[in-house]
Each structure stands twice: as C-alpha cells, then as structure tokens.
Amino acid sequence: MVADLIRGHLKKIGSRWRKLAPGRIAVIVLAVLRHDQRLCDMAGGNDVSASTVRRWLLEVIELLAARAPRLDRALKKITRQGGVVVLLDGTLVRTRRRTGDENRPNYSGKHKVHGLLFLALTDEKGNLVWISAAKPGRSSEITSARHNKICAKLREAGLGALADLGFVGLDDDPADPVIVTGRRATRGHPLTEAQKEANRLVSRERAANEHGFADLKNWRILTKVRMNARHATALLRALLVLTNAEISR
C-alpha cells in the first residue's frame, strides 16, 4: 500500500529517480512509524542522510493523511452501513518538552506531561473512523468537541454517541440528546443505584473504544512524538489509515 502510494506520487510529480526504490522507502518509513527507529540509524543502514529519511517520512505521512476521512463523510458512511451509534473519546499524545513560552499551552495539568489532545470516533466494533486535529495539551475534551461541531455533525448523520464523563454537558439539546454519558455525583447528591447501574452499562458499551486507541498506539512513534508538533495531526491521521488497512487485511 505505502509503496504504491509512493509510486503514484512520483509519477504524478514527474520524478523519475530516487536514491532508493519505492518499496525500500516504504520499509524505512514503516520502521520509523512502527518501532520509533531513530532517523540517523535508518539513514546509516541505507546509505542515505538523516535529512533524506526525514523528508521521506514527512512525504509519506502527508500522502497517507490525505486518505483519512473527514468527520461528516465518516459519519455518513456509518449511517449507510446501518450503524446507529459511535463511540467518542479523547487521548493525550505525549510530545517532547521544549523550552520557551510557546510550549506552555501543551502542558496538560490533568496528565502532568506535555502533549497534544486528540479526539477520536470509533464504530460499535471499536474500529477507528475519524481523528480530530491536534489541540494543545491544556485543552479540554469538551472544548475540542465543540470546536469540531461534533453534536451538529451527529444530528446531520442521524447518529448518537457514547462518551465518558469528560463530555458531560457537551450536548446543547438535553431534550433530544445525541451524546450519551454517565451521571456524575456531586456534593450532597450521591448517585442512586439505578444511576450507578446506568454508568456501568455505558462503560461496558464504551469498552470497544479503548480497543481502537490500543490499535493506534501499537505504532511506537506515538510513545512520545519528537517531530515538530505542526506535523502531529497529519501523523495521527496517517496512522489511522495504516491501522485500518492492517485490520482489514
């Protein structure tokens, strides 16, 4: 798949020559993504420079990310397949800590690390169908969901979504909700047994969501993203495409 993408790209831009064949470039890039191999190590073993490997890596990431579905198209596809609900969750992808004021927004007070926040939707089987653009680590999941207009997109597609307690209050139409979450206890208002059981039911239904993120994080480059943060959105979307291709084989 990756080698074919590279061949198609080279033909499109009229490039007749590369230091290595497309198949070999694909192997190098996949090794970096899957095993988080250092660029200089991959460069030395293949008689190319680290900057060349970096250029190949970013090129393939952009090619793959372009194949990732948009939110509205992903939801409409689920509707056409007879789906009625998706699973919504957020995750923090750790990034390298950098000095200076510009990096402060990436610090997550919740997780006590620097990173970038992503939202993801999975289908009822736990397969990832969409990943949001990166937000600074200090952002909240509910703010990111509002920015992506998830409630409006769900209503347009005629779908509902199950989410955790971090999304309580997201739905702007409680009379006709599309976001189903558990109930949160407050001071002086503990949960009833019925509410606790409802929370357990939501948690069981959402269990497949963790499976989707686990598949994505099998790509060890996500252990800690060391590349420039501006490439993070394309990276996650590229890995979404690769993960789904791997699962569907």
Protein backbone atom coordinates (compact mmCIF):
# COMPACT_ATOMS: atom_id res chain seq x y z
CA MET A 1 0.00 0.00 0.00
CA VAL A 2 2.66 2.53 1.04
CA ALA A 3 4.95 1.60 -1.83
CA ASP A 4 2.08 2.02 -4.29
CA LEU A 5 1.30 5.45 -2.84
CA ILE A 6 4.92 6.49 -3.30
CA ARG A 7 4.98 5.21 -6.89
CA GLY A 8 1.79 7.07 -7.69
CA HIS A 9 3.12 10.26 -6.12
CA LEU A 10 6.40 10.07 -8.05
CA LYS A 11 4.51 9.58 -11.29
CA LYS A 12 2.20 12.49 -10.50
CA ILE A 13 5.03 14.95 -9.81
CA GLY A 14 7.14 13.65 -12.68
CA SER A 15 10.03 12.47 -10.52
CA ARG A 16 11.98 9.78 -12.37
CA TRP A 17 14.62 8.97 -9.76
CA ARG A 18 15.07 8.43 -6.05
CA LYS A 19 18.09 7.22 -4.11
CA LEU A 20 16.16 4.04 -3.21
CA ALA A 21 13.24 2.20 -4.78
CA PRO A 22 9.70 3.00 -3.53
CA GLY A 23 9.44 -0.40 -1.84
CA ARG A 24 12.60 0.23 0.15
CA ILE A 25 11.49 3.73 1.10
CA ALA A 26 8.20 2.26 2.35
CA VAL A 27 10.06 -0.24 4.56
CA ILE A 28 12.19 2.54 6.08
CA VAL A 29 9.22 4.78 6.79
CA LEU A 30 7.16 1.96 8.31
CA ALA A 31 10.11 1.01 10.54
CA VAL A 32 10.23 4.56 11.88
CA LEU A 33 6.48 4.63 12.49
CA ARG A 34 6.09 1.14 13.95
CA HIS A 35 9.26 0.85 16.01
CA ASP A 36 10.18 4.52 16.51
CA GLN A 37 13.56 3.89 14.92
CA ARG A 38 15.90 6.87 15.01
CA LEU A 39 16.30 8.62 11.69
CA CYS A 40 20.09 8.58 11.87
CA ASP A 41 20.08 4.80 12.44
CA MET A 42 17.84 4.20 9.43
CA ALA A 43 19.96 6.58 7.37
CA GLY A 44 23.25 4.90 8.23
CA GLY A 45 21.95 1.45 7.41
CA ASN A 46 20.68 2.53 4.00
CA ASP A 47 23.49 4.83 2.84
CA VAL A 48 21.39 8.00 2.85
CA SER A 49 21.35 11.09 5.06
CA ALA A 50 19.07 11.58 8.07
CA SER A 51 17.53 14.61 6.34
CA THR A 52 16.59 12.40 3.38
CA VAL A 53 14.88 9.89 5.68
CA ARG A 54 13.05 12.76 7.39
CA ARG A 55 11.88 14.08 4.02
CA TRP A 56 10.63 10.62 3.01
CA LEU A 57 8.87 10.21 6.35
CA LEU A 58 7.01 13.52 6.11
CA GLU A 59 6.18 12.89 2.46
CA VAL A 60 4.58 9.51 3.21
CA ILE A 61 2.76 10.89 6.25
CA GLU A 62 1.14 13.57 4.09
CA LEU A 63 0.20 11.05 1.39
CA LEU A 64 -1.47 8.76 3.94
CA ALA A 65 -3.15 11.58 5.88
CA ALA A 66 -4.81 12.77 2.68
CA ARG A 67 -6.67 9.44 2.61
CA ALA A 68 -8.12 9.86 6.11
CA PRO A 69 -11.90 10.50 6.11
CA ARG A 70 -13.45 13.83 7.07
CA LEU A 71 -15.84 13.82 10.01
CA ASP A 72 -19.04 14.26 8.01
CA ARG A 73 -18.09 11.59 5.48
CA ALA A 74 -17.07 9.12 8.20
CA LEU A 75 -20.43 9.54 9.95
CA LYS A 76 -22.45 9.23 6.75
CA LYS A 77 -20.61 6.02 5.89
CA ILE A 78 -21.61 4.52 9.24
CA THR A 79 -25.22 5.55 8.62
CA ARG A 80 -25.19 3.88 5.18
CA GLN A 81 -23.86 0.69 6.78
CA GLY A 82 -26.78 0.64 9.21
CA GLY A 83 -24.94 1.92 12.28
CA VAL A 84 -26.79 3.93 14.91
CA VAL A 85 -24.10 4.91 17.41
CA VAL A 86 -20.42 5.81 17.56
CA LEU A 87 -18.03 5.97 20.49
CA LEU A 88 -16.36 9.29 21.34
CA ASP A 89 -13.19 9.62 23.39
CA GLY A 90 -10.07 11.72 23.74
CA THR A 91 -6.43 10.86 24.27
CA LEU A 92 -3.25 12.78 25.02
CA VAL A 93 -0.24 12.01 22.84
CA ARG A 94 2.96 12.90 24.63
CA THR A 95 5.38 15.28 22.95
CA ARG A 96 8.92 16.33 23.64
CA ARG A 97 9.18 19.14 26.15
CA ARG A 98 10.54 22.29 24.59
CA THR A 99 11.72 25.48 26.26
CA GLY A 100 10.00 28.84 25.88
CA ASP A 101 6.54 30.28 26.41
CA GLU A 102 5.19 28.80 23.17
CA ASN A 103 5.30 25.30 24.67
CA ARG A 104 3.31 26.14 27.80
CA PRO A 105 -0.09 25.51 26.18
CA ASN A 106 1.00 21.91 25.51
CA TYR A 107 1.30 21.11 29.22
CA SER A 108 -1.61 19.02 30.45
CA GLY A 109 -2.45 19.68 34.08
CA LYS A 110 -4.61 16.54 34.06
CA HIS A 111 -1.81 14.21 32.92
CA LYS A 112 1.16 16.26 34.25
CA VAL A 113 3.04 15.93 30.95
CA HIS A 114 3.48 17.87 27.72
CA GLY A 115 1.37 16.61 24.87
CA LEU A 116 -1.33 17.18 22.29
CA LEU A 117 -5.01 16.34 22.67
CA PHE A 118 -6.86 14.35 20.02
CA LEU A 119 -10.48 13.26 19.82
CA ALA A 120 -11.43 10.07 18.03
CA LEU A 121 -14.60 8.33 16.95
CA THR A 122 -14.88 4.57 16.65
CA ASP A 123 -17.69 2.42 15.37
CA GLU A 124 -19.51 -0.12 17.52
CA LYS A 125 -16.81 -2.72 16.81
CA GLY A 126 -14.03 -0.45 18.02
CA ASN A 127 -12.63 0.43 14.59
CA LEU A 128 -11.34 3.99 14.36
CA VAL A 129 -13.26 6.06 11.83
CA TRP A 130 -12.07 9.63 12.48
CA ILE A 131 -9.39 11.58 14.35
CA SER A 132 -9.53 15.29 15.09
CA ALA A 133 -6.85 17.88 14.51
CA ALA A 134 -4.38 18.30 17.36
CA LYS A 135 -5.19 20.68 20.20
CA PRO A 136 -2.77 21.92 22.88
CA GLY A 137 -2.49 19.58 25.86
CA ARG A 138 -4.09 22.08 28.21
CA SER A 139 -7.33 21.99 26.17
CA SER A 140 -10.31 20.08 27.50
CA GLU A 141 -12.03 17.31 25.58
CA ILE A 142 -15.39 19.05 25.69
CA THR A 143 -13.92 22.28 24.25
CA SER A 144 -12.30 20.36 21.42
CA ALA A 145 -15.57 18.54 20.71
CA ARG A 146 -17.42 21.85 20.48
CA HIS A 147 -14.76 23.25 18.17
CA ASN A 148 -15.28 20.27 15.83
CA LYS A 149 -19.10 20.70 15.99
CA ILE A 150 -19.50 17.03 16.81
CA CYS A 151 -23.08 17.34 18.08
CA ALA A 152 -24.23 19.07 14.89
CA LYS A 153 -22.45 16.53 12.69
CA LEU A 154 -24.02 13.64 14.59
CA ARG A 155 -27.50 15.11 14.18
CA GLU A 156 -26.94 15.62 10.45
CA ALA A 157 -25.97 11.95 10.12
CA GLY A 158 -28.76 10.69 12.38
CA LEU A 159 -26.34 9.07 14.84
CA GLY A 160 -25.77 9.08 18.57
CA ALA A 161 -22.52 8.84 20.51
CA LEU A 162 -21.46 7.23 23.78
CA ALA A 163 -18.85 9.17 25.76
CA ASP A 164 -17.25 9.24 29.19
CA LEU A 165 -17.84 11.74 32.00
CA GLY A 166 -15.39 14.19 30.45
CA PHE A 167 -18.10 15.06 27.92
CA VAL A 168 -20.92 15.73 30.41
CA GLY A 169 -22.61 18.96 29.32
CA LEU A 170 -21.43 18.77 25.71
CA ASP A 171 -24.89 18.22 24.23
CA ASP A 172 -26.66 21.55 23.73
CA ASP A 173 -30.11 19.96 23.43
CA PRO A 174 -30.83 17.87 26.54
CA ALA A 175 -34.41 17.32 25.36
CA ASP A 176 -33.11 15.41 22.32
CA PRO A 177 -29.55 14.34 23.21
CA VAL A 178 -27.13 12.79 20.74
CA ILE A 179 -24.33 12.42 23.31
CA VAL A 180 -24.96 9.76 25.97
CA THR A 181 -22.74 9.89 29.05
CA GLY A 182 -22.92 8.55 32.55
CA ARG A 183 -24.07 10.59 35.52
CA ARG A 184 -21.63 12.40 37.78
CA ALA A 185 -22.12 12.56 41.53
CA THR A 186 -21.98 15.97 43.17
CA ARG A 187 -21.51 17.08 46.76
CA GLY A 188 -24.68 16.29 48.63
CA HIS A 189 -26.16 14.39 45.67
CA PRO A 190 -24.68 10.88 45.51
CA LEU A 191 -25.67 8.60 42.68
CA THR A 192 -28.60 6.29 43.15
CA GLU A 193 -28.23 2.58 42.49
CA ALA A 194 -30.10 2.99 39.21
CA GLN A 195 -27.72 5.75 38.12
CA LYS A 196 -24.70 3.65 39.08
CA GLU A 197 -26.04 0.76 37.02
CA ALA A 198 -26.63 3.12 34.08
CA ASN A 199 -23.00 4.26 34.36
CA ARG A 200 -21.84 0.65 34.29
CA LEU A 201 -23.90 -0.02 31.16
CA VAL A 202 -22.37 2.99 29.38
CA SER A 203 -18.88 1.87 30.43
CA ARG A 204 -19.44 -1.63 29.08
CA GLU A 205 -20.66 -0.30 25.76
CA ARG A 206 -17.65 2.01 25.54
CA ALA A 207 -15.11 -0.76 26.16
CA ALA A 208 -14.56 -1.16 22.42
CA ASN A 209 -13.32 2.42 22.27
CA GLU A 210 -10.21 1.52 24.25
CA HIS A 211 -9.53 -1.23 21.72
CA GLY A 212 -9.43 1.36 18.94
CA PHE A 213 -6.89 3.54 20.71
CA ALA A 214 -4.81 0.48 21.63
CA ASP A 215 -4.55 -0.45 17.95
CA LEU A 216 -3.44 3.07 17.11
CA LYS A 217 -0.83 3.19 19.85
CA ASN A 218 0.78 -0.01 18.61
CA TRP A 219 2.69 2.45 16.43
CA ARG A 220 5.53 3.18 18.82
CA ILE A 221 6.26 6.58 17.35
CA LEU A 222 3.31 7.72 19.49
CA THR A 223 5.14 6.77 22.71
CA LYS A 224 6.50 10.31 22.57
CA VAL A 225 6.26 12.40 19.42
CA ARG A 226 9.62 14.05 18.79
CA MET A 227 8.89 15.64 15.43
CA ASN A 228 7.62 19.21 15.13
CA ALA A 229 4.12 19.50 16.60
CA ARG A 230 2.79 21.00 13.37
CA HIS A 231 3.06 17.54 11.79
CA ALA A 232 1.16 15.79 14.60
CA THR A 233 -2.30 15.99 13.03
CA ALA A 234 -1.07 14.51 9.76
CA LEU A 235 0.85 11.83 11.69
CA LEU A 236 -2.21 10.63 13.63
CA ARG A 237 -4.38 10.60 10.54
CA ALA A 238 -1.74 8.69 8.60
CA LEU A 239 -1.59 6.11 11.37
CA LEU A 240 -5.39 5.87 11.32
CA VAL A 241 -5.23 4.92 7.63
CA LEU A 242 -2.44 2.39 8.25
CA THR A 243 -4.22 0.87 11.25
CA ASN A 244 -7.46 0.37 9.35
CA ALA A 245 -5.59 -1.11 6.38
CA GLU A 246 -3.80 -3.50 8.73
CA ILE A 247 -7.04 -4.60 10.42
CA SER A 248 -8.88 -5.12 7.14
CA ARG A 249 -6.20 -7.37 5.62
